[in-house]
N, C-alpha and C. Protein backbone atom coordinates (compact mmCIF):
# COMPACT_ATOMS: atom_id res chain seq x y z
N UNK A 1 15.21 -1.77 -15.02
CA UNK A 1 14.72 -3.07 -15.30
C UNK A 1 15.05 -3.42 -16.75
N UNK A 2 16.31 -3.58 -17.00
CA UNK A 2 16.73 -3.86 -18.36
C UNK A 2 17.36 -5.24 -18.45
N UNK A 3 17.42 -5.77 -19.62
CA UNK A 3 18.04 -7.08 -19.81
C UNK A 3 19.52 -6.95 -20.14
N UNK A 4 20.01 -5.74 -20.36
CA UNK A 4 21.40 -5.54 -20.74
C UNK A 4 22.34 -5.49 -19.55
N UNK A 5 21.81 -5.59 -18.33
CA UNK A 5 22.66 -5.52 -17.16
C UNK A 5 22.86 -4.10 -16.66
N UNK A 6 22.31 -3.12 -17.34
CA UNK A 6 22.42 -1.73 -16.93
C UNK A 6 21.12 -1.34 -16.25
N UNK A 7 21.21 -0.66 -15.11
CA UNK A 7 20.02 -0.23 -14.41
C UNK A 7 19.70 -1.13 -13.23
N UNK A 8 18.59 -0.83 -12.58
CA UNK A 8 18.18 -1.58 -11.40
C UNK A 8 17.49 -2.88 -11.79
N UNK A 9 17.77 -3.92 -11.05
CA UNK A 9 17.10 -5.19 -11.28
C UNK A 9 15.76 -5.16 -10.54
N UNK A 10 14.76 -5.77 -11.12
CA UNK A 10 13.40 -5.73 -10.59
C UNK A 10 13.32 -6.20 -9.13
N UNK A 11 14.09 -7.19 -8.76
CA UNK A 11 13.98 -7.77 -7.42
C UNK A 11 14.82 -7.05 -6.37
N UNK A 12 15.43 -5.93 -6.70
CA UNK A 12 16.27 -5.23 -5.73
C UNK A 12 15.61 -3.97 -5.18
N UNK A 13 14.38 -3.71 -5.56
CA UNK A 13 13.72 -2.50 -5.09
C UNK A 13 12.32 -2.78 -4.58
N UNK A 14 11.83 -1.86 -3.77
CA UNK A 14 10.48 -1.93 -3.24
C UNK A 14 9.76 -0.68 -3.73
N UNK A 15 8.62 -0.85 -4.38
CA UNK A 15 7.83 0.29 -4.83
C UNK A 15 6.67 0.50 -3.87
N UNK A 16 6.34 1.77 -3.65
CA UNK A 16 5.22 2.12 -2.79
C UNK A 16 4.29 3.07 -3.53
N UNK A 17 3.03 3.03 -3.16
CA UNK A 17 2.04 4.00 -3.62
C UNK A 17 1.41 4.60 -2.37
N UNK A 18 0.43 5.45 -2.52
CA UNK A 18 -0.14 6.12 -1.36
C UNK A 18 -0.70 5.15 -0.32
N UNK A 19 -1.06 3.97 -0.72
CA UNK A 19 -1.62 2.99 0.21
C UNK A 19 -0.58 2.00 0.73
N UNK A 20 0.70 2.26 0.48
CA UNK A 20 1.75 1.41 1.03
C UNK A 20 2.55 0.65 -0.01
N UNK A 21 3.26 -0.36 0.46
CA UNK A 21 4.16 -1.16 -0.37
C UNK A 21 3.36 -1.98 -1.38
N UNK A 22 3.90 -2.06 -2.59
CA UNK A 22 3.31 -2.91 -3.63
C UNK A 22 3.95 -4.30 -3.46
N UNK A 23 3.20 -5.22 -2.89
CA UNK A 23 3.73 -6.55 -2.59
C UNK A 23 2.88 -7.63 -3.26
N UNK A 24 3.49 -8.78 -3.49
CA UNK A 24 2.78 -9.89 -4.11
C UNK A 24 1.68 -10.37 -3.17
N UNK A 25 0.48 -10.49 -3.69
CA UNK A 25 -0.66 -10.90 -2.90
C UNK A 25 -1.56 -9.75 -2.48
N UNK A 26 -1.10 -8.54 -2.66
CA UNK A 26 -1.90 -7.37 -2.32
C UNK A 26 -3.05 -7.24 -3.32
N UNK A 27 -4.23 -6.85 -2.83
CA UNK A 27 -5.38 -6.69 -3.71
C UNK A 27 -5.88 -5.25 -3.75
N UNK A 28 -5.70 -4.49 -2.70
CA UNK A 28 -6.22 -3.12 -2.63
C UNK A 28 -5.47 -2.19 -3.58
N UNK A 29 -6.22 -1.50 -4.45
CA UNK A 29 -5.66 -0.49 -5.33
C UNK A 29 -4.75 -1.03 -6.42
N UNK A 30 -4.84 -2.28 -6.74
CA UNK A 30 -3.95 -2.87 -7.74
C UNK A 30 -4.58 -2.83 -9.13
N UNK A 31 -3.72 -2.70 -10.15
CA UNK A 31 -4.12 -2.84 -11.55
C UNK A 31 -2.91 -3.41 -12.28
N UNK A 32 -3.01 -3.62 -13.57
CA UNK A 32 -1.97 -4.34 -14.32
C UNK A 32 -0.58 -3.72 -14.16
N UNK A 33 -0.46 -2.39 -14.26
CA UNK A 33 0.87 -1.77 -14.18
C UNK A 33 1.45 -1.94 -12.78
N UNK A 34 0.66 -1.69 -11.76
CA UNK A 34 1.16 -1.81 -10.38
C UNK A 34 1.50 -3.27 -10.08
N UNK A 35 0.65 -4.20 -10.46
CA UNK A 35 0.89 -5.62 -10.19
C UNK A 35 2.21 -6.11 -10.78
N UNK A 36 2.60 -5.55 -11.91
CA UNK A 36 3.86 -5.95 -12.54
C UNK A 36 5.07 -5.61 -11.69
N UNK A 37 4.92 -4.70 -10.74
CA UNK A 37 6.04 -4.26 -9.89
C UNK A 37 5.94 -4.78 -8.46
N UNK A 38 5.06 -5.73 -8.22
CA UNK A 38 4.87 -6.27 -6.87
C UNK A 38 6.10 -7.07 -6.45
N UNK A 39 6.55 -6.81 -5.23
CA UNK A 39 7.73 -7.50 -4.69
C UNK A 39 7.29 -8.60 -3.73
N UNK A 40 8.13 -9.60 -3.61
CA UNK A 40 7.90 -10.64 -2.61
C UNK A 40 8.58 -10.15 -1.34
N UNK A 41 7.79 -9.57 -0.42
CA UNK A 41 8.32 -8.95 0.79
C UNK A 41 7.28 -8.94 1.90
N UNK A 42 7.76 -8.81 3.13
CA UNK A 42 6.87 -8.66 4.28
C UNK A 42 6.65 -7.19 4.62
N UNK A 43 7.33 -6.28 3.93
CA UNK A 43 7.17 -4.85 4.17
C UNK A 43 5.78 -4.41 3.74
N UNK A 44 5.16 -3.51 4.52
CA UNK A 44 3.80 -3.10 4.19
C UNK A 44 3.59 -1.60 4.11
N UNK A 45 4.52 -0.79 4.65
CA UNK A 45 4.33 0.65 4.58
C UNK A 45 5.65 1.35 4.24
N UNK A 46 5.55 2.62 3.92
CA UNK A 46 6.70 3.40 3.48
C UNK A 46 7.78 3.46 4.56
N UNK A 47 7.38 3.61 5.82
CA UNK A 47 8.35 3.66 6.91
C UNK A 47 9.18 2.38 6.96
N UNK A 48 8.54 1.23 6.83
CA UNK A 48 9.25 -0.04 6.83
C UNK A 48 10.16 -0.16 5.61
N UNK A 49 9.69 0.30 4.46
CA UNK A 49 10.46 0.19 3.22
C UNK A 49 11.71 1.07 3.24
N UNK A 50 11.67 2.19 3.94
CA UNK A 50 12.81 3.11 3.96
C UNK A 50 13.91 2.68 4.92
N UNK A 51 13.59 1.84 5.89
CA UNK A 51 14.59 1.42 6.87
C UNK A 51 15.72 0.68 6.17
N UNK A 52 16.93 1.17 6.33
CA UNK A 52 18.16 0.62 5.75
C UNK A 52 18.21 0.68 4.22
N UNK A 53 17.35 1.47 3.60
CA UNK A 53 17.37 1.61 2.14
C UNK A 53 18.59 2.43 1.71
N UNK A 54 19.18 2.06 0.60
CA UNK A 54 20.31 2.80 0.04
C UNK A 54 19.87 3.95 -0.83
N UNK A 55 18.78 3.76 -1.56
CA UNK A 55 18.28 4.75 -2.51
C UNK A 55 16.79 4.93 -2.29
N UNK A 56 16.35 6.17 -2.37
CA UNK A 56 14.92 6.46 -2.26
C UNK A 56 14.55 7.43 -3.37
N UNK A 57 13.74 6.97 -4.30
CA UNK A 57 13.23 7.80 -5.39
C UNK A 57 11.77 8.06 -5.08
N UNK A 58 11.39 9.32 -5.00
CA UNK A 58 10.02 9.58 -4.57
C UNK A 58 9.34 10.68 -5.32
N UNK A 59 8.04 10.50 -5.39
CA UNK A 59 7.15 11.53 -5.91
C UNK A 59 5.88 11.46 -5.07
N UNK A 60 6.03 11.87 -3.85
CA UNK A 60 4.93 11.81 -2.89
C UNK A 60 4.64 13.19 -2.35
N UNK A 61 3.50 13.34 -1.73
CA UNK A 61 3.09 14.63 -1.21
C UNK A 61 3.75 15.00 0.10
N UNK A 62 3.54 16.23 0.49
CA UNK A 62 4.07 16.75 1.74
C UNK A 62 3.61 15.89 2.91
N UNK A 63 4.50 15.65 3.85
CA UNK A 63 4.16 14.95 5.06
C UNK A 63 4.23 13.43 4.97
N UNK A 64 4.45 12.88 3.79
CA UNK A 64 4.52 11.42 3.65
C UNK A 64 5.82 10.86 4.20
N UNK A 65 6.89 11.64 4.13
CA UNK A 65 8.20 11.21 4.59
C UNK A 65 8.63 12.13 5.73
N UNK A 66 9.08 11.53 6.82
CA UNK A 66 9.51 12.30 7.98
C UNK A 66 11.04 12.27 8.09
N UNK A 67 11.62 13.21 8.82
CA UNK A 67 13.06 13.18 9.05
C UNK A 67 13.51 11.87 9.70
N UNK A 68 12.69 11.30 10.58
CA UNK A 68 13.04 10.02 11.21
C UNK A 68 13.14 8.90 10.18
N UNK A 69 12.27 8.92 9.18
CA UNK A 69 12.32 7.91 8.13
C UNK A 69 13.61 8.05 7.32
N UNK A 70 13.99 9.28 7.03
CA UNK A 70 15.24 9.52 6.29
C UNK A 70 16.42 9.08 7.15
N UNK A 71 16.38 9.37 8.44
CA UNK A 71 17.47 8.99 9.35
C UNK A 71 17.61 7.47 9.46
N UNK A 72 16.54 6.73 9.20
CA UNK A 72 16.59 5.26 9.32
C UNK A 72 17.22 4.59 8.10
N UNK A 73 17.53 5.36 7.07
CA UNK A 73 18.10 4.79 5.84
C UNK A 73 19.54 4.34 6.07
N UNK A 74 20.09 3.59 5.13
CA UNK A 74 21.46 3.10 5.21
C UNK A 74 22.45 4.26 5.23
N UNK A 75 23.70 3.96 5.54
CA UNK A 75 24.74 4.98 5.54
C UNK A 75 24.93 5.53 4.13
N UNK A 76 25.09 6.83 4.00
CA UNK A 76 25.26 7.54 2.73
C UNK A 76 24.14 7.24 1.73
N UNK A 77 22.91 7.51 2.11
CA UNK A 77 21.79 7.23 1.20
C UNK A 77 21.74 8.22 0.04
N UNK A 78 21.11 7.81 -1.03
CA UNK A 78 20.85 8.67 -2.17
C UNK A 78 19.35 8.92 -2.20
N UNK A 79 18.95 10.19 -2.19
CA UNK A 79 17.54 10.55 -2.18
C UNK A 79 17.24 11.35 -3.44
N UNK A 80 16.37 10.82 -4.27
CA UNK A 80 16.00 11.46 -5.53
C UNK A 80 14.56 11.92 -5.43
N UNK A 81 14.32 13.20 -5.55
CA UNK A 81 12.97 13.75 -5.41
C UNK A 81 12.48 14.24 -6.77
N UNK A 82 11.30 13.83 -7.16
CA UNK A 82 10.74 14.18 -8.44
C UNK A 82 9.68 15.27 -8.29
N UNK A 83 9.99 16.31 -7.58
CA UNK A 83 9.11 17.45 -7.42
C UNK A 83 9.95 18.65 -7.05
N UNK A 84 9.28 19.77 -6.89
CA UNK A 84 9.99 20.98 -6.52
C UNK A 84 10.49 20.90 -5.08
N UNK A 85 11.45 21.74 -4.79
CA UNK A 85 12.04 21.78 -3.45
C UNK A 85 10.94 21.97 -2.40
N UNK A 86 11.11 21.30 -1.29
CA UNK A 86 10.09 21.35 -0.26
C UNK A 86 10.72 21.30 1.12
N UNK A 87 9.85 21.41 2.11
CA UNK A 87 10.30 21.33 3.50
C UNK A 87 11.00 20.00 3.78
N UNK A 88 10.45 18.89 3.31
CA UNK A 88 11.05 17.59 3.60
C UNK A 88 12.41 17.46 2.94
N UNK A 89 12.61 18.09 1.79
CA UNK A 89 13.92 18.05 1.14
C UNK A 89 14.96 18.70 2.05
N UNK A 90 14.60 19.84 2.64
CA UNK A 90 15.51 20.52 3.56
C UNK A 90 15.71 19.70 4.83
N UNK A 91 14.62 19.09 5.35
CA UNK A 91 14.73 18.27 6.55
C UNK A 91 15.57 17.02 6.30
N UNK A 92 15.46 16.45 5.11
CA UNK A 92 16.28 15.29 4.74
C UNK A 92 17.74 15.68 4.79
N UNK A 93 18.05 16.87 4.29
CA UNK A 93 19.43 17.35 4.32
C UNK A 93 19.93 17.47 5.76
N UNK A 94 19.10 18.01 6.63
CA UNK A 94 19.50 18.14 8.03
C UNK A 94 19.61 16.78 8.72
N UNK A 95 18.75 15.83 8.36
CA UNK A 95 18.75 14.51 8.99
C UNK A 95 19.94 13.67 8.55
N UNK A 96 20.35 13.80 7.30
CA UNK A 96 21.39 12.95 6.74
C UNK A 96 22.34 13.80 5.90
N UNK A 97 23.14 14.62 6.56
CA UNK A 97 24.04 15.52 5.83
C UNK A 97 25.04 14.76 4.97
N UNK A 98 25.35 13.49 5.34
CA UNK A 98 26.34 12.75 4.58
C UNK A 98 25.75 12.11 3.32
N UNK A 99 24.45 12.11 3.19
CA UNK A 99 23.80 11.50 2.03
C UNK A 99 23.80 12.44 0.83
N UNK A 100 23.33 11.95 -0.28
CA UNK A 100 23.21 12.74 -1.50
C UNK A 100 21.75 12.94 -1.82
N UNK A 101 21.40 14.17 -2.17
CA UNK A 101 20.03 14.48 -2.54
C UNK A 101 20.03 15.22 -3.87
N UNK A 102 19.07 14.91 -4.69
CA UNK A 102 18.89 15.66 -5.92
C UNK A 102 17.42 15.65 -6.27
N UNK A 103 17.03 16.53 -7.16
CA UNK A 103 15.61 16.63 -7.49
C UNK A 103 15.45 16.98 -8.95
N UNK A 104 14.28 16.73 -9.46
CA UNK A 104 13.93 17.07 -10.83
C UNK A 104 12.81 18.08 -10.78
N UNK A 105 12.92 19.14 -11.50
CA UNK A 105 11.86 20.14 -11.56
C UNK A 105 11.00 19.85 -12.77
N UNK A 106 9.72 19.72 -12.54
CA UNK A 106 8.80 19.39 -13.62
C UNK A 106 8.16 20.62 -14.24
N UNK A 107 8.77 21.75 -14.09
CA UNK A 107 8.18 23.00 -14.58
C UNK A 107 8.60 23.28 -16.01
């Protein structure tokens, strides 16, 4: 979200929290930081947000993302995981072998 033209533009991504998509008009679990990232969209949950997505950056707990959700992403998706290697990381690899996956270790 930069003004220099480098990086992702605010209106090209959908952010989610544990209670679903951060959308304009949402009131549950909102505060100033989250509200600043609200998108104008009809998407309401993570499964809907992942369908046909090109990039997925996540820091969610086990079981939040299923292999079917990864399989629903666009062709050659990029999956960025901000936690240690997990079962879903391996399942994502099996679901979308043509995609790219990487992770950050916070240790």
